Protein backbone atom coordinates (compact mmCIF):
# COMPACT_ATOMS: atom_id res chain seq x y z
CA MET A 1 258.38 117.47 187.98
CA LYS A 2 260.63 120.61 188.40
CA ARG A 3 262.74 119.49 184.97
CA THR A 4 259.26 119.75 182.75
CA ILE A 5 258.48 122.76 184.15
CA SER A 6 261.88 124.26 183.51
CA ALA A 7 261.71 123.07 179.87
CA ILE A 8 257.72 124.56 179.81
CA PHE A 9 259.27 127.73 181.15
CA VAL A 10 262.18 128.21 178.74
CA PHE A 11 260.22 127.15 175.78
CA VAL A 12 258.00 129.95 176.56
CA GLY A 13 260.35 132.61 177.52
CA GLY A 14 261.94 132.01 174.26
CA SER A 15 258.53 132.51 172.19
CA VAL A 16 258.17 135.81 174.18
CA GLY A 17 261.83 136.81 173.78
CA LEU A 18 261.30 136.31 169.85
CA THR A 19 258.17 138.32 169.85
CA THR A 20 258.78 141.20 172.54
CA MET A 21 262.60 141.72 172.30
CA PRO A 22 262.64 143.58 168.82
CA TYR A 23 260.54 146.27 170.29
CA LEU A 24 262.70 146.81 173.43
CA TRP A 25 265.74 146.94 171.24
CA GLU A 26 263.77 149.62 169.04
CA ILE A 27 262.83 151.72 172.29
CA LEU A 28 266.63 151.52 173.39
CA ASN A 29 267.55 152.77 169.75
CA LEU A 30 269.59 149.72 169.44
CA THR A 31 267.63 148.29 166.28
CA LYS A 32 271.18 147.90 164.42
CA SER A 33 272.84 146.49 167.26
CA PRO A 34 274.38 142.54 166.75
CA PHE A 35 272.77 141.82 169.80
CA ASN A 36 269.09 142.32 167.78
CA ASN A 37 269.21 138.50 166.22
CA VAL A 38 266.91 135.89 166.66
CA PHE A 39 269.33 133.29 168.77
CA VAL A 40 269.90 136.61 171.00
CA ASN A 41 266.34 137.19 171.23
CA LEU A 42 265.22 134.05 172.14
CA GLY A 43 268.45 133.17 174.55
CA ILE A 44 267.70 136.52 176.77
CA GLY A 45 263.77 135.46 176.92
CA ALA A 46 264.86 131.66 177.53
CA LEU A 47 267.29 132.71 180.49
CA ILE A 48 264.78 134.87 181.85
CA PHE A 49 261.92 132.31 182.26
CA PHE A 50 264.38 129.82 183.57
CA LEU A 51 265.31 131.90 186.60
CA LEU A 52 261.66 132.39 187.12
CA SER A 53 261.22 128.65 186.78
CA LEU A 54 263.68 127.73 189.96
CA VAL A 55 261.91 130.52 192.07
CA LEU A 56 258.64 129.40 190.48
CA ALA A 57 258.62 125.57 190.21
CA ASN A 58 257.70 124.54 194.01
CA TRP A 59 254.67 126.91 194.10
CA VAL A 60 253.45 125.74 190.41
CA ILE A 61 254.11 121.78 191.41
CA ARG A 62 251.71 122.74 194.59
CA ALA A 63 249.38 124.09 192.56
CA PHE A 64 249.24 121.44 190.49
CA LYS A 65 249.06 118.98 193.37
CA LYS A 66 245.67 121.08 194.63
CA ILE A 67 244.08 120.74 191.08
CA GLU A 68 244.49 116.96 190.86
CA ASN A 69 243.16 116.68 194.41
CA TYR A 70 240.20 118.48 193.31
CA PHE A 71 239.51 116.48 190.42
CA SER A 72 240.00 113.42 191.69
CA LYS A 73 237.29 113.79 194.18
CA GLN A 74 234.77 114.96 191.36
CA SER A 75 232.44 112.47 189.80
CA ALA A 76 232.65 111.37 185.91
CA THR A 77 229.39 113.33 185.32
CA PHE A 78 231.31 116.52 186.76
CA LEU A 79 234.06 116.07 184.75
CA LEU A 80 232.43 115.28 181.37
CA PHE A 81 230.08 118.22 181.68
CA GLY A 82 233.20 120.47 182.35
CA ALA A 83 235.33 119.59 179.70
CA LEU A 84 232.42 119.83 177.28
CA GLY A 85 231.74 123.82 178.53
CA ALA A 86 235.13 124.27 178.62
CA ILE A 87 235.49 123.01 174.77
CA ILE A 88 232.51 124.87 173.81
CA GLY A 89 233.84 128.06 175.05
CA LEU A 90 237.21 127.83 173.40
CA VAL A 91 235.32 127.54 170.18
CA LEU A 92 233.29 130.37 170.85
CA ALA A 93 236.88 132.30 171.55
CA TRP A 94 238.27 130.94 168.36
CA LEU A 95 235.09 132.68 166.71
CA ILE A 96 235.51 135.79 168.20
CA GLY A 97 239.38 136.18 167.95
CA ILE A 98 239.28 135.44 163.93
CA PRO A 99 238.49 139.43 163.00
CA LEU A 100 240.85 140.54 165.72
CA VAL A 101 243.60 138.49 164.27
CA ALA A 102 242.51 140.01 160.60
CA TRP A 103 243.27 143.33 162.26
CA ASN A 104 246.61 142.43 162.47
CA ILE A 105 247.04 145.15 165.45
CA ASN A 106 249.91 144.05 167.74
CA ILE A 107 248.27 143.96 171.25
CA ILE A 108 244.74 143.23 169.74
CA SER A 109 245.90 140.63 167.49
CA ASP A 110 248.27 138.92 170.22
CA VAL A 111 246.99 139.17 173.67
CA VAL A 112 243.32 139.53 173.44
CA PRO A 113 242.50 136.15 171.81
CA THR A 114 244.64 134.58 174.75
CA LEU A 115 242.41 136.50 177.04
CA LEU A 116 239.18 135.38 175.47
CA SER A 117 240.17 131.50 175.21
CA VAL A 118 241.34 131.33 179.12
CA GLY A 119 238.05 133.27 180.14
CA LEU A 120 235.62 131.63 177.69
CA ALA A 121 237.00 128.39 178.48
CA TYR A 122 236.74 129.30 181.89
CA PHE A 123 233.05 130.04 181.92
CA GLY A 124 232.33 127.03 180.11
CA PHE A 125 233.63 124.72 182.39
CA TYR A 126 231.93 126.71 185.33
CA VAL A 127 228.23 126.56 183.75
CA GLY A 128 229.10 123.14 182.41
CA THR A 129 229.94 122.06 185.98
CA THR A 130 226.87 124.39 188.13
CA ARG A 131 224.12 123.13 185.38
CA ILE A 132 224.44 119.46 185.35
CA ASP A 133 220.85 118.80 186.30
CA GLU A 134 219.61 121.26 183.87
CA PHE A 135 221.97 119.95 180.88
CA ARG A 136 220.70 115.93 181.91
CA LYS A 137 216.99 117.24 181.58
CA LEU A 138 217.39 118.61 178.32
CA LEU A 139 219.26 115.78 176.96
CA THR A 140 217.13 113.27 177.97
CA PRO A 141 213.68 112.45 176.63
CA LYS A 142 211.00 113.31 178.85
CA LYS A 143 208.91 109.81 179.55
CA ARG A 144 205.95 109.49 181.92
CA PRO A 145 207.01 107.63 185.07
CA GLU A 146 205.53 104.28 185.11
CA GLU A 147 203.65 103.23 187.97
CA GLY A 148 206.07 102.23 190.88
CA GLN A 149 209.42 103.38 189.05
CA LEU A 150 211.41 105.60 191.46
CA LEU A 151 212.14 109.32 190.16
CA ASP A 152 216.10 110.40 190.15
CA ARG A 153 216.92 112.53 193.21
CA LYS A 154 218.35 116.18 192.47
CA ALA A 155 221.50 115.38 194.27
CA ASP A 156 224.49 114.43 192.07
CA SER A 157 226.26 111.28 191.77
CA SER A 158 228.62 111.61 194.60
CA PHE A 159 225.93 113.13 196.93
CA ARG A 160 226.89 111.28 200.79
CA LYS A 161 228.96 108.39 198.76
CA TYR A 162 231.76 108.88 200.81
CA LYS A 163 231.97 107.11 204.30
CA ILE A 164 234.61 108.31 206.48
CA LEU A 165 235.56 105.94 209.01
CA ASP A 166 237.32 107.14 212.50
CA THR A 167 240.00 105.33 214.69
CA SER A 168 237.44 103.91 217.26
CA VAL A 169 235.18 102.22 214.65
CA ILE A 170 237.69 100.36 212.84
CA ILE A 171 239.54 98.96 216.23
CA ASP A 172 235.84 98.30 217.23
CA GLY A 173 235.99 95.77 214.18
CA ARG A 174 232.02 95.58 213.49
CA ILE A 175 232.24 97.65 210.85
CA TYR A 176 233.68 94.69 208.61
CA GLU A 177 230.57 93.00 209.08
CA ILE A 178 228.35 95.47 208.68
CA ALA A 179 230.29 96.57 205.16
CA LYS A 180 230.34 92.97 204.19
CA THR A 181 226.29 92.45 204.17
CA GLY A 182 225.91 95.50 201.87
CA PHE A 183 224.26 97.73 204.25
CA LEU A 184 227.09 100.53 203.57
CA GLU A 185 226.64 102.03 199.99
CA GLY A 186 229.33 104.06 198.75
CA VAL A 187 233.06 104.20 198.87
CA LEU A 188 234.84 103.53 202.22
CA VAL A 189 237.30 106.80 203.25
CA ILE A 190 240.38 105.76 205.15
CA PRO A 191 242.23 109.47 205.82
CA ASN A 192 245.74 109.41 206.50
CA PHE A 193 245.90 111.00 209.81
CA VAL A 194 243.59 108.20 210.76
CA LEU A 195 245.60 105.44 209.82
CA ARG A 196 248.74 107.23 211.30
CA GLU A 197 246.92 107.07 214.83
CA LEU A 198 246.01 103.69 214.16
CA GLN A 199 249.98 102.57 213.59
CA TYR A 200 250.67 105.06 216.65
CA ILE A 201 248.20 102.83 219.00
CA ALA A 202 249.41 99.63 217.66
CA ASP A 203 253.22 100.46 217.91
CA SER A 204 252.28 101.72 221.69
CA SER A 205 253.95 100.41 224.86
CA ASP A 206 250.29 99.33 226.30
CA SER A 207 249.72 95.32 225.31
CA LEU A 208 246.14 96.30 225.28
CA LYS A 209 246.19 99.18 223.12
CA ARG A 210 248.78 97.44 221.08
CA VAL A 211 246.56 94.40 220.70
CA ARG A 212 243.85 96.89 219.94
CA GLY A 213 245.61 99.17 216.97
CA ARG A 214 246.99 95.69 215.46
CA ARG A 215 243.31 94.59 215.51
CA GLY A 216 242.46 97.47 213.62
CA LEU A 217 244.88 97.40 210.74
CA ASP A 218 244.02 93.62 210.58
CA ILE A 219 240.03 94.96 209.97
CA LEU A 220 241.81 97.83 207.44
CA ASN A 221 243.50 95.01 205.28
CA SER A 222 240.38 92.53 205.03
CA LEU A 223 238.01 95.66 203.90
CA GLN A 224 240.82 96.23 200.97
CA LYS A 225 240.58 92.58 200.12
CA GLU A 226 236.99 92.54 199.58
CA GLU A 227 236.19 92.73 196.06
CA ASP A 228 232.98 94.13 196.45
CA MET A 229 233.48 96.86 198.83
CA GLN A 230 235.36 100.18 197.50
CA VAL A 231 237.95 101.43 199.61
CA GLU A 232 239.90 104.61 199.41
CA SER A 233 242.52 106.84 201.29
CA TYR A 234 242.43 110.13 201.86
CA ASP A 235 246.25 111.69 201.40
CA GLY A 236 245.51 115.37 202.44
CA GLU A 237 246.40 116.90 205.68
CA PHE A 238 244.49 119.86 207.81
CA GLU A 239 247.80 121.10 209.67
CA GLU A 240 246.61 124.05 210.69
CA ILE A 241 244.04 121.76 213.02
CA PRO A 242 245.47 119.40 215.43
CA GLU A 243 242.55 117.02 216.73
CA VAL A 244 241.73 114.14 214.79
CA ASP A 245 238.03 114.60 215.56
CA SER A 246 238.18 117.72 213.93
CA LYS A 247 240.11 116.72 211.01
CA LEU A 248 237.45 113.90 210.40
CA ILE A 249 235.01 116.80 210.45
CA ARG A 250 236.79 119.13 207.92
CA LEU A 251 237.24 116.03 205.80
CA ALA A 252 233.48 114.86 206.06
CA LYS A 253 232.38 118.93 204.86
CA LEU A 254 234.80 119.20 201.94
CA ILE A 255 233.72 115.89 200.56
CA ASP A 256 230.33 116.07 201.51
CA GLY A 257 230.65 112.41 203.16
CA VAL A 258 229.10 110.64 206.19
CA ILE A 259 231.38 110.18 209.22
CA VAL A 260 230.94 106.21 210.66
CA THR A 261 231.98 106.10 214.36
CA ASN A 262 231.07 104.71 217.74
CA ASP A 263 232.58 107.39 219.88
CA TYR A 264 229.85 109.42 221.45
CA ASN A 265 231.49 112.84 222.03
CA LEU A 266 232.52 113.06 217.80
CA ASN A 267 228.69 111.91 216.96
CA LYS A 268 227.38 115.01 219.47
CA VAL A 269 230.19 117.18 217.67
CA SER A 270 229.25 116.30 214.31
CA GLU A 271 225.80 116.43 214.60
CA PHE A 272 225.99 120.20 216.27
CA GLN A 273 228.14 121.10 213.00
CA ASN A 274 225.32 119.75 210.94
CA VAL A 275 227.78 116.99 209.80
CA PRO A 276 225.75 113.17 209.34
CA VAL A 277 226.84 110.63 211.32
CA LEU A 278 226.66 106.53 211.31
CA ASN A 279 226.80 105.11 215.07
CA ILE A 280 227.48 101.72 214.78
CA ASN A 281 226.35 101.54 218.62
CA GLU A 282 223.06 103.03 217.97
CA LEU A 283 222.74 100.48 214.79
CA ALA A 284 223.47 97.46 217.24
CA ASN A 285 221.09 98.97 219.70
CA ALA A 286 218.20 99.41 216.70
CA VAL A 287 218.54 95.77 215.47
CA LYS A 288 218.42 94.08 219.13
CA PRO A 289 215.36 92.00 219.54
CA VAL A 290 212.43 93.77 220.92
CA VAL A 291 211.10 92.26 223.95
CA ILE A 292 207.54 92.63 225.36
CA PRO A 293 206.18 92.91 228.89
CA GLY A 294 205.13 89.15 229.53
CA GLU A 295 207.22 87.13 227.31
CA ASN A 296 209.26 84.45 228.85
CA MET A 297 213.00 83.93 228.28
CA ARG A 298 215.36 81.72 229.84
CA VAL A 299 218.73 83.06 231.36
CA THR A 300 221.52 82.23 233.66
CA VAL A 301 222.25 85.13 236.47
CA ILE A 302 225.82 85.68 236.75
CA LYS A 303 226.08 88.64 239.15
CA ALA A 304 224.22 90.62 241.75
CA GLY A 305 222.37 93.92 240.97
CA THR A 306 223.19 97.16 242.73
CA GLU A 307 219.55 96.98 244.23
CA ARG A 308 218.90 94.80 247.09
CA ASN A 309 218.14 90.85 245.77
CA GLN A 310 218.42 91.75 242.19
CA GLY A 311 220.89 89.47 239.95
CA VAL A 312 222.10 90.25 236.40
CA ALA A 313 222.07 88.57 233.32
CA TYR A 314 223.12 88.66 229.68
CA LEU A 315 221.68 87.71 226.35
CA ASP A 316 223.80 86.71 223.51
CA ASP A 317 223.67 90.20 221.76
CA GLY A 318 225.41 92.06 225.19
CA THR A 319 221.96 93.40 226.64
CA MET A 320 221.36 93.40 230.42
CA ILE A 321 218.51 92.01 232.20
CA VAL A 322 217.87 92.60 235.51
CA VAL A 323 216.17 89.40 237.53
CA GLU A 324 214.21 90.55 240.52
CA ASP A 325 215.21 88.10 243.46
CA GLY A 326 218.12 86.95 241.31
CA GLN A 327 220.58 86.82 243.75
CA TYR A 328 218.87 83.81 245.21
CA HIS A 329 219.17 82.09 241.82
CA MET A 330 223.29 83.04 241.44
CA ASN A 331 224.91 80.93 238.61
CA GLN A 332 221.60 79.23 237.85
CA THR A 333 219.40 78.74 234.71
CA LEU A 334 215.95 80.19 235.04
CA ASP A 335 212.78 80.99 233.16
CA VAL A 336 211.98 84.86 233.68
CA VAL A 337 208.79 86.79 232.32
CA VAL A 338 209.88 90.42 231.24
CA THR A 339 208.20 93.22 232.97
CA SER A 340 209.71 96.25 231.41
CA ALA A 341 212.24 97.47 229.17
CA LEU A 342 214.42 100.33 229.36
CA GLN A 343 216.34 102.10 226.18
CA THR A 344 219.24 104.09 227.76
CA ALA A 345 222.48 105.91 225.78
CA ALA A 346 224.48 102.91 226.69
CA GLY A 347 222.07 100.55 225.49
CA ARG A 348 218.86 98.55 226.20
CA MET A 349 218.08 97.32 229.56
CA ILE A 350 215.55 94.72 230.42
CA PHE A 351 213.77 94.06 233.92
CA ALA A 352 212.31 90.64 234.46
CA LYS A 353 211.12 88.19 237.25
CA PRO A 354 211.23 84.53 237.93
CA ALA A 355 208.61 82.91 236.24
CA HIS A 356 208.06 80.42 239.36
CA SER A 357 207.21 83.97 241.25
CA GLN A 358 204.22 84.65 239.26
CA LYS A 359 202.44 80.99 239.32
CA GLY A 360 201.43 81.51 242.91
CA ILE A 361 199.98 84.96 241.99
CA LYS A 362 196.13 84.59 241.29
């Protein structure tokens, strides 16, 4: 990359030397000097620009990488209309520059057309990318929507299509099954800083953390192998931000993405900063079966409750059932009648009584 940049600088410098050095020799009253020839002028310009390339090469590379990252995140529609706008701007600059070149005035004929080309190309790109919806309406023939036909939304094609996974939801593992069912549309984004944190957990000396970290890496590999899922990595870094959660929020704002997590604190902070969040725990609670007071179910009491004579049982999905007088039926399977249900931040709790205790009530 550096060699290519240096070669471009040398080529441009040689061209600049050929056009400007004769004026410099004239200013210095050295027009008849033996140094005033094509090869010396070309060599001086090329040498000066080569030295400049040594100083500016790293800056140019960083600038190109930023441009590449910016355009790689844009949709095909954005790039198409931007390119068309830039081409139209260049054509206008060429038409305006024809009479200027004909005047044959040094600065006006050489510099002004170049400035016009750069300025109008940028203006055309800006107009093309900020008026996409209006251009679509102009190019699309108007049709009356038929009954039941959905209207196009005003947001562009990249609107919240990125789902950014955090470390907790990857380790949890349920994201794979949810994504496999097709309920998560768009692209799953795995930031590099999340991957590094996951690798750090997998290399931990704590055996429990190590197992969880390796499980998370296995989940990522399974997601990557699924043909129906679009999984991309984000190589960008936010070096000024030390916390991973803050980096996730910054990334979501940058690419207009949605954070997928089961971290309660990250959920609240994201909502405060107007960043959309999909919480796996909330989804799990939402799809649990709804029970109605008076409904019968069969459960096994496995431990004592916090209140007197209470027993605790669990459904297959992990929902806790508090059974009145359940301590008298420890490790027994019995029929119970639901009395009430309570939805909490931790999940759903169901309160019930043994069915035989209600049969005696008249």
